[in-house]
Protein backbone atom coordinates (compact mmCIF):
# COMPACT_ATOMS: atom_id res chain seq x y z
CA MET A 1 110.92 107.53 86.95
CA LYS A 2 108.65 110.57 87.24
CA ASN A 3 109.29 113.35 84.72
CA PRO A 4 112.89 112.62 83.66
CA LEU A 5 114.96 115.38 82.05
CA ILE A 6 118.41 114.77 80.60
CA VAL A 7 120.74 117.76 80.30
CA ILE A 8 123.79 117.59 78.06
CA LEU A 9 126.05 120.59 78.53
CA GLY A 10 129.61 121.59 77.84
CA PRO A 11 131.76 124.34 76.35
CA THR A 12 131.50 125.56 72.77
CA SER A 13 132.81 123.12 70.11
CA SER A 14 132.77 120.14 72.50
CA GLY A 15 130.35 118.16 70.32
CA LYS A 16 127.12 118.56 72.31
CA SER A 17 124.77 118.77 69.32
CA SER A 18 125.93 115.65 67.49
CA LEU A 19 126.15 113.62 70.69
CA GLY A 20 122.74 114.86 71.78
CA ILE A 21 121.24 113.53 68.55
CA LYS A 22 122.84 110.10 69.01
CA LEU A 23 121.69 109.80 72.62
CA ALA A 24 118.18 111.11 71.95
CA ARG A 25 117.75 108.58 69.12
CA LYS A 26 118.91 105.75 71.37
CA PHE A 27 116.65 106.68 74.30
CA ARG A 28 113.52 107.85 72.42
CA GLY A 29 114.12 111.49 73.16
CA GLU A 30 113.48 114.91 71.70
CA ILE A 31 115.97 117.77 71.89
CA ILE A 32 115.48 121.27 73.28
CA SER A 33 118.30 123.58 72.22
CA ALA A 34 119.72 125.57 75.17
CA ASP A 35 121.69 128.05 73.09
CA SER A 36 121.06 131.79 73.41
CA ARG A 37 121.75 132.44 69.71
CA GLN A 38 120.27 129.37 68.01
CA VAL A 39 116.82 130.68 68.87
CA TYR A 40 117.24 133.29 66.12
CA LYS A 41 116.02 132.79 62.56
CA GLY A 42 118.63 132.88 59.82
CA MET A 43 121.62 132.66 62.15
CA ASN A 44 122.83 129.18 61.31
CA LEU A 45 126.56 128.90 60.58
CA GLY A 46 127.59 131.43 63.22
CA THR A 47 125.66 129.62 65.96
CA GLY A 48 126.51 126.04 64.94
CA LYS A 49 122.85 125.23 64.45
CA VAL A 50 122.18 121.63 63.45
CA SER A 51 121.22 121.08 59.81
CA LYS A 52 117.69 120.35 58.56
CA LYS A 53 118.86 116.80 57.86
CA GLU A 54 119.98 116.37 61.49
CA GLN A 55 116.70 117.87 62.69
CA ARG A 56 114.84 115.16 60.77
CA LEU A 57 116.74 112.47 62.70
CA VAL A 58 115.41 113.74 66.04
CA PRO A 59 112.76 116.42 66.71
CA HIS A 60 114.40 119.68 67.82
CA HIS A 61 112.75 122.52 69.73
CA LEU A 62 113.63 126.17 70.46
CA LEU A 63 115.45 126.63 67.16
CA ASP A 64 114.46 129.55 64.89
CA VAL A 65 111.75 130.83 67.24
CA ALA A 66 112.71 134.53 67.37
CA SER A 67 113.71 137.42 65.15
CA PRO A 68 117.38 138.39 65.58
CA LYS A 69 116.27 142.03 65.74
CA LYS A 70 114.95 141.53 69.26
CA GLN A 71 116.50 139.92 72.32
CA PHE A 72 115.06 136.55 73.38
CA THR A 73 115.46 136.56 77.17
CA ALA A 74 116.29 133.75 79.56
CA ALA A 75 112.85 134.26 81.12
CA GLU A 76 111.21 133.68 77.71
CA PHE A 77 113.41 130.66 77.16
CA LYS A 78 112.44 129.19 80.52
CA THR A 79 108.71 129.60 79.86
CA SER A 80 108.92 128.10 76.35
CA THR A 81 111.12 125.24 77.51
CA ASN A 82 108.85 124.26 80.40
CA VAL A 83 105.87 124.08 78.04
CA THR A 84 107.92 121.99 75.59
CA ILE A 85 109.14 119.60 78.31
CA VAL A 86 105.55 118.86 79.32
CA LYS A 87 104.56 118.15 75.69
CA ILE A 88 107.52 115.80 75.17
CA ILE A 89 106.80 113.85 78.36
CA GLU A 90 103.07 113.64 77.56
CA ALA A 91 104.02 112.15 74.17
CA GLY A 92 105.89 109.38 76.00
CA LYS A 93 109.33 110.70 75.03
CA ILE A 94 112.30 111.90 77.09
CA PRO A 95 113.31 115.59 76.89
CA PHE A 96 117.00 116.27 76.26
CA LEU A 97 118.10 119.83 77.09
CA VAL A 98 121.27 120.30 75.03
CA GLY A 99 123.46 123.39 74.93
CA GLY A 100 126.14 125.59 76.36
CA THR A 101 124.38 128.75 77.58
CA PRO A 102 124.59 128.40 81.37
CA PHE A 103 121.97 131.05 82.13
CA TYR A 104 119.44 129.34 79.85
CA ILE A 105 120.16 125.89 81.29
CA TYR A 106 119.97 126.94 84.94
CA SER A 107 116.86 129.04 84.39
CA VAL A 108 115.14 125.72 83.70
CA ILE A 109 116.81 123.13 85.92
CA ASP A 110 116.90 125.45 88.97
CA ASN A 111 113.58 127.12 88.14
CA LEU A 112 115.08 130.59 88.52
CA GLN A 113 112.69 133.44 89.30
CA PHE A 114 113.52 136.64 87.41
CA PRO A 115 113.05 140.21 88.70
CA GLU A 116 110.02 141.82 87.08
CA VAL A 117 111.42 145.13 85.84
CA VAL A 118 110.05 146.44 82.55
CA PRO A 119 112.53 147.75 79.95
CA ASN A 120 113.41 151.44 80.34
CA LEU A 121 113.61 152.66 76.74
CA LYS A 122 114.79 156.14 77.74
CA LEU A 123 117.66 154.71 79.77
CA ARG A 124 118.59 152.28 77.00
CA LYS A 125 118.73 155.12 74.46
CA GLN A 126 120.81 157.23 76.86
CA TYR A 127 123.41 154.48 77.30
CA ALA A 128 123.21 152.99 73.79
CA LYS A 129 126.58 154.38 72.67
CA LYS A 130 128.50 153.31 75.77
CA SER A 131 130.95 150.45 75.35
CA ALA A 132 130.85 147.24 77.36
CA ALA A 133 133.89 148.45 79.32
CA GLU A 134 132.14 151.71 80.24
CA LEU A 135 128.95 149.92 81.27
CA PHE A 136 130.96 147.47 83.35
CA GLN A 137 132.64 150.31 85.26
CA MET A 138 129.22 151.84 85.91
CA LEU A 139 127.89 148.53 87.23
CA LYS A 140 130.93 148.07 89.48
CA LYS A 141 130.10 151.34 91.23
CA LEU A 142 126.42 150.45 91.56
CA ASP A 143 126.62 146.75 92.47
CA LEU A 144 130.04 145.16 92.96
CA ARG A 145 128.54 141.72 93.71
CA ARG A 146 126.68 141.56 90.37
CA ALA A 147 129.71 142.94 88.54
CA LYS A 148 131.78 140.01 89.78
CA SER A 149 129.39 137.41 88.34
CA ILE A 150 128.26 139.05 85.07
CA ASP A 151 129.75 138.61 81.60
CA ARG A 152 131.66 141.90 81.44
CA HIS A 153 131.85 141.73 77.64
CA ASN A 154 128.08 141.55 77.12
CA PRO A 155 126.65 145.11 76.88
CA ARG A 156 123.05 143.85 76.78
CA ARG A 157 123.34 142.06 80.14
CA LEU A 158 125.34 144.91 81.66
CA LEU A 159 122.68 147.42 80.63
CA ARG A 160 119.91 145.16 81.96
CA ALA A 161 121.62 144.97 85.36
CA ILE A 162 121.98 148.78 85.47
CA GLU A 163 118.34 149.09 84.40
CA ILE A 164 117.17 146.90 87.31
CA ILE A 165 119.26 148.88 89.82
CA LYS A 166 117.95 152.21 88.52
CA ALA A 167 114.34 150.96 88.66
CA THR A 168 114.48 149.45 92.16
CA GLY A 169 117.10 151.64 93.83
CA LYS A 170 118.69 148.44 95.12
CA PRO A 171 121.41 146.00 93.99
CA VAL A 172 120.36 143.37 91.46
CA PRO A 173 118.56 140.69 93.52
CA VAL A 174 120.08 137.24 93.68
CA LEU A 175 117.93 135.08 91.41
CA SER A 176 115.80 132.91 93.63
CA SER A 177 114.97 129.35 92.76
CA LEU A 178 112.00 127.12 93.52
CA PRO A 179 111.87 123.33 93.80
CA PHE A 180 112.22 121.86 90.32
CA SER A 181 109.30 119.69 89.24
CA TYR A 182 111.39 117.34 87.08
CA SER A 183 114.19 114.93 87.89
CA PRO A 184 117.24 116.15 85.94
CA LEU A 185 120.33 114.15 85.06
CA ILE A 186 123.06 116.66 84.22
CA LEU A 187 125.80 115.34 81.94
CA GLY A 188 128.89 117.34 80.98
CA ILE A 189 131.21 116.64 78.05
CA LYS A 190 134.76 116.59 79.37
CA LYS A 191 137.42 118.21 77.17
CA GLU A 192 140.82 119.57 78.14
CA LEU A 193 141.45 123.18 77.11
CA PRO A 194 144.25 122.52 74.56
CA GLN A 195 142.04 119.97 72.78
CA LEU A 196 139.07 122.33 72.98
CA TYR A 197 141.03 125.22 71.46
CA LYS A 198 141.98 123.05 68.48
CA LEU A 199 138.35 122.05 67.98
CA ILE A 200 137.26 125.70 68.16
CA ASP A 201 139.84 126.80 65.60
CA SER A 202 138.94 123.97 63.23
CA ARG A 203 135.24 124.73 63.52
CA ILE A 204 135.74 128.43 62.77
CA GLU A 205 137.79 127.61 59.68
CA LYS A 206 135.05 125.26 58.44
CA ARG A 207 132.27 127.78 59.06
CA LEU A 208 134.14 130.54 57.25
CA LYS A 209 134.67 128.24 54.25
CA ALA A 210 130.99 127.28 54.35
CA GLY A 211 129.97 130.94 53.96
CA MET A 212 129.49 132.37 57.46
CA VAL A 213 130.37 135.91 56.31
CA LYS A 214 127.98 135.62 53.37
CA GLU A 215 125.21 134.51 55.73
CA VAL A 216 125.67 137.68 57.78
CA GLN A 217 125.78 139.84 54.64
CA ASN A 218 122.44 138.36 53.57
CA LEU A 219 120.87 139.13 56.96
CA LEU A 220 122.08 142.72 56.72
CA LYS A 221 120.91 143.04 53.10
CA GLN A 222 117.44 141.74 54.01
CA LYS A 223 117.38 144.16 56.97
CA LYS A 224 116.81 141.30 59.41
CA ILE A 225 119.56 142.62 61.68
CA THR A 226 121.75 145.68 62.20
CA HIS A 227 125.49 146.01 62.80
CA LYS A 228 124.74 147.24 66.30
CA ARG A 229 122.71 144.12 67.07
CA LEU A 230 125.39 141.87 65.54
CA GLN A 231 128.02 143.38 67.79
CA GLU A 232 125.80 142.92 70.85
CA MET A 233 125.68 139.19 70.08
CA GLY A 234 129.45 138.90 70.37
CA LEU A 235 131.81 136.12 69.30
CA GLU A 236 131.64 135.37 65.54
CA TYR A 237 128.99 137.98 64.80
CA ARG A 238 130.80 140.86 66.47
CA PHE A 239 133.99 140.31 64.47
CA ILE A 240 132.22 139.67 61.18
CA SER A 241 130.41 142.97 61.67
CA LEU A 242 133.68 144.81 62.40
CA TYR A 243 135.24 143.21 59.31
CA LEU A 244 132.31 144.19 57.09
CA CYS A 245 132.50 147.74 58.48
CA GLY A 246 136.15 147.90 57.44
CA GLN A 247 137.48 148.05 60.99
CA MET A 248 139.67 144.95 60.63
CA THR A 249 141.11 142.71 57.94
CA PHE A 250 139.94 139.17 57.25
CA PRO A 251 142.99 137.57 58.98
CA GLN A 252 142.48 139.90 61.99
CA MET A 253 138.81 138.95 62.11
CA LYS A 254 139.61 135.26 62.07
CA LEU A 255 142.25 135.55 64.81
CA GLN A 256 140.02 137.68 67.06
CA MET A 257 137.16 135.24 66.51
CA LYS A 258 139.29 132.30 67.63
CA ASN A 259 140.67 134.14 70.68
CA ALA A 260 137.18 135.27 71.77
CA ASN A 261 135.86 131.71 71.50
CA HIS A 262 138.81 130.39 73.52
CA LYS A 263 137.98 132.86 76.32
CA PHE A 264 134.27 132.04 76.06
CA ALA A 265 134.94 128.29 76.40
CA LYS A 266 137.08 128.94 79.46
CA ARG A 267 134.29 131.03 81.05
CA GLN A 268 131.75 128.29 80.33
CA LEU A 269 133.95 125.67 82.01
CA THR A 270 134.52 127.94 85.01
CA TRP A 271 130.75 128.32 85.43
CA PHE A 272 129.98 124.61 85.00
CA LYS A 273 132.74 123.49 87.37
CA THR A 274 130.93 125.18 90.27
CA ASP A 275 128.05 122.70 89.91
CA ASN A 276 128.81 119.39 91.64
CA ARG A 277 125.63 117.84 90.22
CA ILE A 278 127.25 117.50 86.79
CA HIS A 279 128.38 114.01 85.80
CA TRP A 280 131.37 114.54 83.52
CA PHE A 281 131.95 111.96 80.78
CA LYS A 282 134.50 111.45 78.01
CA ASN A 283 132.61 109.49 75.37
CA GLN A 284 129.19 108.27 74.22
CA ARG A 285 129.50 104.91 75.95
CA GLU A 286 130.03 106.56 79.35
CA ALA A 287 127.05 108.84 78.74
CA GLU A 288 124.80 105.92 77.77
CA LYS A 289 125.73 104.06 80.96
CA LEU A 290 124.85 107.10 83.10
CA ILE A 291 121.51 107.53 81.32
CA ARG A 292 120.56 103.85 81.73
CA LEU A 293 121.31 103.97 85.47
CA PHE A 294 119.29 107.18 85.76
CA LEU A 295 116.24 105.82 83.95
CA ILE A 296 115.95 102.61 85.99
CA LYS A 297 115.89 104.44 89.34
């Protein structure tokens, strides 16, 4: 097969990372992490980053490649990933794109073309103190179509959409795609929501016991990140920041963290279910069978 690419996707806590390692070892692969927060240095427990020991089992790429102070965009991810895919294939290995950030994944497999609008620092400063809810209402008035598809809880993406509209005087363009130069097999880990919620809750408990709050405190102490940036990242980091700022108790933080991850998992599944190219599987054996059939074509 010419230029194979195997994508393993699924909602948060579904077991993508560990399964990706097992499958990559079996099929002589290397893993590219498709996670919008695992790219950042020092953010390990909160992002579910694989351990150094696990990274020694199979080469991993796009981990720890950016400072958490600055946003690593989907466009940057796409460029870096395409270069990495070529290197893996040239080395006679199979690239495995593993993760749960839909925008990252589809930027690669659908070769999305991004609008070229430079950051407007004046605009960003002007709107810096606006909440996600306020930015969402602004976007709804400017571009209802984009408002319906965006993550309404992500102030960074909301502000970027407003920035594009202000710069072009037009609605945010639909991201165009070009023919993809690789042959992707897209595999999705199938989990029912009740089971997924239990896995999420268990994982959060384990990460908190392992020192997730301490990890964030160290990043703040070393001035590698700010509370504002933490809250932009959402999920675990947003609530840890609010807890450390004294805006909620530890039990409140933990509950909010679990609820936010439940909603996030549901959004991920909603997004993935619109793609009929995904082959959903329940266990490793099913995934191996799909990969074998794919590779002999």
